[in-house]
Protein backbone atom coordinates (compact mmCIF):
# COMPACT_ATOMS: atom_id res chain seq x y z
CA TYR A 1 -0.03 -0.13 0.02
CA TYR A 2 1.45 3.53 -0.60
CA LEU A 3 -0.20 6.99 -0.58
CA LEU A 4 0.29 9.04 -3.73
CA PHE A 5 0.80 12.66 -3.42
CA VAL A 6 0.67 14.61 -6.72
CA PHE A 7 2.82 17.81 -6.97
CA PRO A 8 3.88 19.53 -10.47
CA GLY A 9 6.58 17.11 -11.74
CA CYS A 10 7.27 14.89 -8.85
CA ARG A 11 5.24 12.05 -6.65
CA LEU A 12 5.84 11.83 -2.98
CA LEU A 13 5.60 8.42 -1.29
CA ALA A 14 4.95 8.60 2.62
CA VAL A 15 4.08 6.50 5.66
CA GLU A 16 0.87 7.37 7.36
CA LEU A 17 -0.73 6.35 10.65
CA THR A 18 -4.37 6.25 11.47
CA SER A 19 -6.18 4.71 14.75
CA SER A 20 -9.54 3.30 15.41
CA ASN A 21 -9.87 5.50 18.79
CA THR A 22 -7.63 7.89 19.93
CA LYS A 23 -9.14 8.43 23.29
CA PRO A 24 -9.76 5.12 24.93
CA VAL A 25 -11.25 4.84 28.39
CA VAL A 26 -10.94 1.71 30.70
CA GLN A 27 -11.59 0.80 34.12
CA GLU A 28 -8.55 0.20 36.41
CA PHE A 29 -7.37 -3.63 36.28
CA GLN A 30 -8.93 -4.10 32.76
CA SER A 31 -7.16 -4.60 29.37
CA VAL A 32 -7.02 -2.02 26.81
CA GLU A 33 -6.02 -1.85 22.96
CA LEU A 34 -4.07 1.37 21.92
CA SER A 35 -4.96 1.06 18.51
CA CYS A 36 -2.05 2.33 15.98
CA ILE A 37 -2.73 1.54 12.06
CA ILE A 38 -0.23 2.03 9.29
CA LYS A 39 -2.50 3.28 6.55
CA SER A 40 0.17 3.51 3.85
CA THR A 41 3.75 2.73 3.36
CA VAL A 42 6.26 0.84 0.84
CA THR A 43 8.93 -0.16 3.37
CA PRO A 44 8.40 -3.95 4.12
CA ASP A 45 9.74 -3.67 7.66
CA PRO A 46 9.22 -0.44 9.13
CA ARG A 47 10.64 0.42 12.55
CA ILE A 48 7.88 0.60 15.38
CA GLU A 49 8.35 2.54 18.69
CA TRP A 50 5.58 3.49 21.40
CA LYS A 51 6.22 6.12 24.09
CA LYS A 52 4.48 7.22 27.41
CA ILE A 53 4.04 11.02 28.00
CA ARG A 54 3.08 11.74 31.54
CA ASP A 55 3.29 15.01 33.74
CA GLY A 56 5.84 16.11 31.09
CA GLU A 57 8.03 13.09 31.20
CA THR A 58 8.66 10.66 28.31
CA SER A 59 9.59 7.19 28.69
CA TYR A 60 9.85 4.24 26.57
CA VAL A 61 7.19 1.64 26.24
CA PHE A 62 8.15 -0.53 23.43
CA PHE A 63 11.75 0.21 21.87
CA ASP A 64 14.22 -2.07 19.85
CA ASN A 65 11.70 -4.81 19.09
CA LYS A 66 10.81 -5.36 22.85
CA MET A 67 8.87 -4.07 25.85
CA GLN A 68 10.52 -1.85 28.25
CA GLY A 69 9.73 -1.03 32.10
CA ASP A 70 7.20 -2.36 34.11
CA PHE A 71 5.14 -2.93 30.58
CA VAL A 72 7.45 -6.32 29.91
CA THR A 73 5.14 -8.79 31.98
CA ARG A 74 1.83 -6.85 31.12
CA ALA A 75 2.02 -5.31 27.67
CA GLU A 76 2.27 -6.69 23.99
CA ILE A 77 2.26 -5.58 20.42
CA LEU A 78 -0.91 -6.68 18.36
CA SER A 79 -1.06 -6.52 14.53
CA ARG A 80 2.25 -5.40 14.12
CA THR A 81 1.58 -2.01 15.61
CA SER A 82 -1.21 -1.82 18.15
CA LEU A 83 -0.24 -1.84 21.78
CA VAL A 84 -2.19 -3.87 24.31
CA ILE A 85 -1.84 -3.14 27.97
CA LYS A 86 -3.14 -5.67 30.53
CA ASN A 87 -4.13 -5.30 34.03
CA THR A 88 -4.19 -1.51 33.72
CA THR A 89 -3.76 0.97 36.54
CA ARG A 90 -4.02 4.67 37.37
CA MET A 91 -0.58 5.18 36.76
CA ASP A 92 -1.13 4.18 33.00
CA THR A 93 -3.35 7.35 32.58
CA ALA A 94 -1.11 9.00 29.97
CA THR A 95 -0.76 10.15 26.27
CA TYR A 96 0.90 7.44 24.31
CA ARG A 97 2.93 7.97 21.15
CA CYS A 98 3.00 5.71 18.24
CA GLU A 99 6.10 6.30 16.05
CA VAL A 100 6.84 4.61 12.96
CA ALA A 101 10.13 5.06 10.68
CA ALA A 102 10.12 3.62 6.80
CA PRO A 103 13.38 4.40 5.47
CA SER A 104 11.86 3.34 2.01
CA ASP A 105 9.28 5.95 1.70
CA THR A 106 10.05 9.70 0.81
CA LYS A 107 8.37 10.91 3.98
CA THR A 108 10.00 8.65 6.34
CA ILE A 109 8.34 9.12 9.87
CA ASP A 110 4.70 9.49 10.99
CA GLU A 111 3.56 9.29 14.59
CA ILE A 112 -0.03 9.29 16.36
CA ASN A 113 -1.15 10.09 19.81
CA ILE A 114 -3.31 8.19 21.90
CA GLN A 115 -4.79 9.58 25.21
CA LEU A 116 -5.36 6.80 27.80
CA THR A 117 -8.04 7.26 30.62
CA VAL A 118 -7.73 4.54 33.35
CA GLN A 119 -11.05 5.26 35.60
CA VAL A 120 -10.81 4.21 39.03
CA LYS A 121 -13.72 3.49 41.32
CA PRO A 122 -14.22 5.63 44.28
CA MET A 123 -13.17 4.42 47.90
CA THR A 124 -15.40 4.50 50.72
CA PRO A 125 -15.90 8.38 51.50
CA ARG A 126 -14.89 9.77 54.98
CA CYS A 127 -18.04 11.43 56.34
CA THR A 128 -18.41 13.80 59.40
CA VAL A 129 -21.92 14.44 60.88
CA PRO A 130 -22.56 16.39 64.28
CA LYS A 131 -24.34 14.29 66.84
CA ALA A 132 -26.52 17.19 68.36
CA VAL A 133 -27.11 20.36 67.34
CA PRO A 134 -29.68 22.97 69.11
CA VAL A 135 -32.40 24.61 66.97
CA GLY A 136 -31.57 27.43 65.08
CA LYS A 137 -27.79 27.19 64.81
CA THR A 138 -25.50 26.19 61.90
CA ALA A 139 -24.47 22.56 61.04
CA SER A 140 -21.88 21.34 58.57
CA LEU A 141 -21.68 17.92 57.21
CA HIS A 142 -18.62 16.80 55.25
CA CYS A 143 -18.09 13.98 52.69
CA HIS A 144 -14.86 13.37 50.64
CA GLU A 145 -12.52 10.65 49.09
CA ASN A 146 -9.33 11.31 46.95
CA GLU A 147 -8.98 7.79 45.27
CA GLY A 148 -11.22 8.09 42.35
CA TYR A 149 -10.80 9.10 39.05
CA PRO A 150 -12.08 11.15 37.21
CA LYS A 151 -12.89 13.11 40.73
CA SER A 152 -16.16 12.23 42.60
CA THR A 153 -19.23 13.99 43.14
CA TYR A 154 -21.35 13.52 45.97
CA SER A 155 -24.81 13.27 47.44
CA TRP A 156 -26.47 13.15 50.67
CA TYR A 157 -29.27 11.09 52.05
CA ARG A 158 -31.25 11.18 55.03
CA ASN A 159 -33.11 8.40 56.03
CA SER A 160 -32.10 6.74 52.71
CA GLU A 161 -33.70 9.42 50.81
CA PRO A 162 -31.69 11.70 48.71
CA LEU A 163 -31.31 15.44 49.47
CA SER A 164 -32.23 17.58 46.39
CA PRO A 165 -29.25 20.06 45.63
CA ASP A 166 -31.90 22.62 44.75
CA THR A 167 -34.37 23.04 47.65
CA LYS A 168 -36.52 25.69 45.90
CA SER A 169 -36.93 22.95 43.00
CA ASN A 170 -38.40 20.40 45.35
CA ALA A 171 -41.56 21.56 47.53
CA LYS A 172 -40.57 18.62 50.29
CA PHE A 173 -37.23 20.57 51.12
CA GLN A 174 -38.42 24.40 50.81
CA ASN A 175 -38.67 24.72 54.48
CA SER A 176 -34.99 23.50 54.93
CA SER A 177 -32.33 25.76 54.89
CA TYR A 178 -29.23 23.81 53.62
CA THR A 179 -26.98 24.06 50.91
CA LEU A 180 -25.64 20.93 49.21
CA ASN A 181 -22.23 21.13 47.12
CA PRO A 182 -22.04 18.13 44.93
CA THR A 183 -18.19 19.05 43.96
CA THR A 184 -17.11 19.24 47.58
CA GLY A 185 -19.22 17.08 49.35
CA THR A 186 -20.15 19.63 51.94
CA LEU A 187 -23.64 20.08 53.28
CA VAL A 188 -24.43 23.14 55.35
CA PHE A 189 -27.55 23.66 57.50
CA HIS A 190 -27.71 27.38 58.21
CA ALA A 191 -30.47 27.18 60.87
CA VAL A 192 -31.69 23.52 61.41
CA HIS A 193 -35.04 22.85 63.09
CA LYS A 194 -36.28 19.64 64.44
CA GLY A 195 -37.34 18.15 61.29
CA ASP A 196 -33.78 17.96 60.37
CA THR A 197 -33.23 15.31 62.89
CA GLY A 198 -32.28 11.98 60.86
CA ARG A 199 -29.66 9.49 59.76
CA TYR A 200 -27.43 10.89 57.24
CA SER A 201 -25.44 9.18 54.86
CA CYS A 202 -23.17 10.10 51.49
CA ILE A 203 -22.63 8.50 48.20
CA ALA A 204 -19.23 9.30 46.03
CA THR A 205 -19.77 8.94 42.19
CA ASN A 206 -17.89 8.72 39.19
CA ASP A 207 -17.81 7.30 35.82
CA ALA A 208 -16.05 3.71 37.03
CA GLY A 209 -18.73 3.58 39.99
CA PHE A 210 -19.69 4.57 43.40
CA ALA A 211 -19.11 4.28 47.06
CA LYS A 212 -21.13 5.05 50.23
CA CYS A 213 -20.35 5.80 54.06
CA GLU A 214 -22.42 4.52 56.87
CA GLU A 215 -25.30 6.17 58.19
CA GLN A 216 -24.67 8.62 61.10
CA GLU A 217 -27.35 10.06 63.48
CA MET A 218 -27.81 13.89 63.70
CA GLU A 219 -30.21 15.13 66.51
CA VAL A 220 -31.74 18.44 66.51
CA TYR A 221 -32.72 19.58 70.12
CA ASP A 222 -34.39 22.60 71.46
CA LEU A 223 -32.65 24.84 73.82
CA ASN A 224 -34.06 24.78 77.68
CA ILE A 225 -33.75 28.47 78.28
CA GLY A 226 -35.60 28.27 81.75
CA GLY A 227 -33.24 25.63 82.64
CA ILE A 228 -30.16 27.54 81.76
CA ILE A 229 -31.40 30.47 83.60
CA GLY A 230 -31.96 28.21 86.61
CA GLY A 231 -28.74 27.08 86.53
CA VAL A 232 -26.83 30.20 86.51
CA LEU A 233 -28.97 31.19 89.32
CA VAL A 234 -27.89 28.27 91.44
CA VAL A 235 -24.33 28.61 90.60
CA LEU A 236 -24.62 32.66 91.70
CA ALA A 237 -26.31 31.45 94.72
CA VAL A 238 -23.48 28.91 95.83
CA LEU A 239 -21.03 31.53 95.30
CA VAL A 240 -22.71 34.04 97.47
CA LEU A 241 -23.30 31.36 100.41
CA ILE A 242 -19.31 30.76 100.07
CA THR A 243 -18.55 34.25 100.24
CA LEU A 244 -20.81 34.99 103.54
CA GLY A 245 -19.18 31.83 105.12
CA ILE A 246 -15.67 33.03 104.53
CA CYS A 247 -16.68 36.50 105.78
CA CYS A 248 -18.28 34.75 109.09
CA ALA A 249 -14.88 32.75 109.51
CA TYR A 250 -12.86 35.71 109.44
CA ARG A 251 -14.94 37.70 112.00
CA ARG A 252 -14.58 34.75 114.38
CA GLY A 253 -10.91 34.67 114.07
CA TYR A 254 -10.88 31.36 112.50
CA PHE A 255 -8.16 32.58 110.03
CA ALA A 256 -6.45 35.03 112.62
CA ASN A 257 -2.61 34.29 113.05
CA SER A 258 -1.16 33.86 116.33
CA LYS A 259 1.15 36.53 117.85
CA GLU A 260 3.91 36.16 120.33
CA SER A 261 3.82 38.39 122.98
CA GLY A 262 6.46 39.77 125.61
CA GLU A 263 4.99 37.68 128.29
CA SER A 264 5.50 34.47 126.33
CA TYR A 265 9.30 35.21 126.75
CA LYS A 266 10.68 32.21 128.69
CA THR A 267 13.72 32.64 131.22
CA PRO A 268 16.34 30.25 130.21
CA ALA A 269 16.64 27.36 132.39
CA LYS A 270 19.42 27.34 135.09
CA PRO A 271 22.45 24.94 134.94
CA ASP A 272 22.12 22.38 137.58
CA GLY A 273 24.18 23.28 140.87
CA VAL A 274 24.29 27.16 139.86
CA ASN A 275 22.12 29.76 141.79
CA TYR A 276 22.19 33.25 141.04
CA ILE A 277 21.14 35.74 143.74
CA ARG A 278 20.88 39.43 143.84
CA THR A 279 21.73 41.87 146.73
CA ASP A 280 20.34 44.96 148.11
CA ASP A 281 23.10 47.14 147.41
CA GLU A 282 24.23 45.82 144.17
CA GLY A 283 22.81 46.15 140.89
CA ASP A 284 24.05 42.66 139.15
CA PHE A 285 23.99 39.09 140.07
CA ARG A 286 26.60 37.12 142.10
CA HIS A 287 27.48 33.59 141.78
CA LYS A 288 26.93 31.58 144.74
CA SER A 289 28.26 27.99 144.60
CA SER A 290 25.75 25.42 146.43
CA PHE A 291 28.21 22.64 146.82
CA VAL A 292 31.16 22.07 148.91
CA ILE A 293 34.71 21.20 147.98
């Protein structure tokens, strides 16, 4: 087969490639064929190469008539030029370039890019639901997972019934004051009411499948204003009683410090066998022995 280009006074023979699918999509762990077909060439044995381009880096998949890297055990060439990848993983999502060199053609090289997308099912999302919220307060519920590809979207359920993203379009939820963001998975009640009490769960969904978190109970309760005021009054009363008790104790001297007076001074004890006497005409003490030598 050959492709004939007609120009004034000459003919051009060129290798040309085509593909049956330049954007294949496959789920993780399945097999996929990257179609590369030689549409025209006069070279009997053209050279085939496959390259992988991911995050700006280029690596060989098929070179010098053999597989390269981790493709050695899970890829093969089909019909001389097409590439079959078995047991695909999320890391296989990339652009694959099929290059054919045909030395006998006037145009000796042609290439075609195949954009492969490997879809990954969502993992069980992490859901955060407050256990109890007072009436009229704000409540935020969160749902997220980061394994799925393409990125997941999120839907919330109350008592196994889906919550509408648009409360105005559904009369059943017009009395609710929540906002649901399907992209981030955040459900916010701006002012909860008793009807918002229930079991909440979330489902993460993408093109590869879905996953659901377990139901969690959220209770909406009324604030007992009378009880709160009563509790505050009781605390104040206890503080007043404690203060009065301390004041009475001070007045009765329970907290007075004992003080030393001059009368509490004690005369040092006399050594044994020594007496001290004072005469009428002397202002000092004289020593008197009380034993006989």
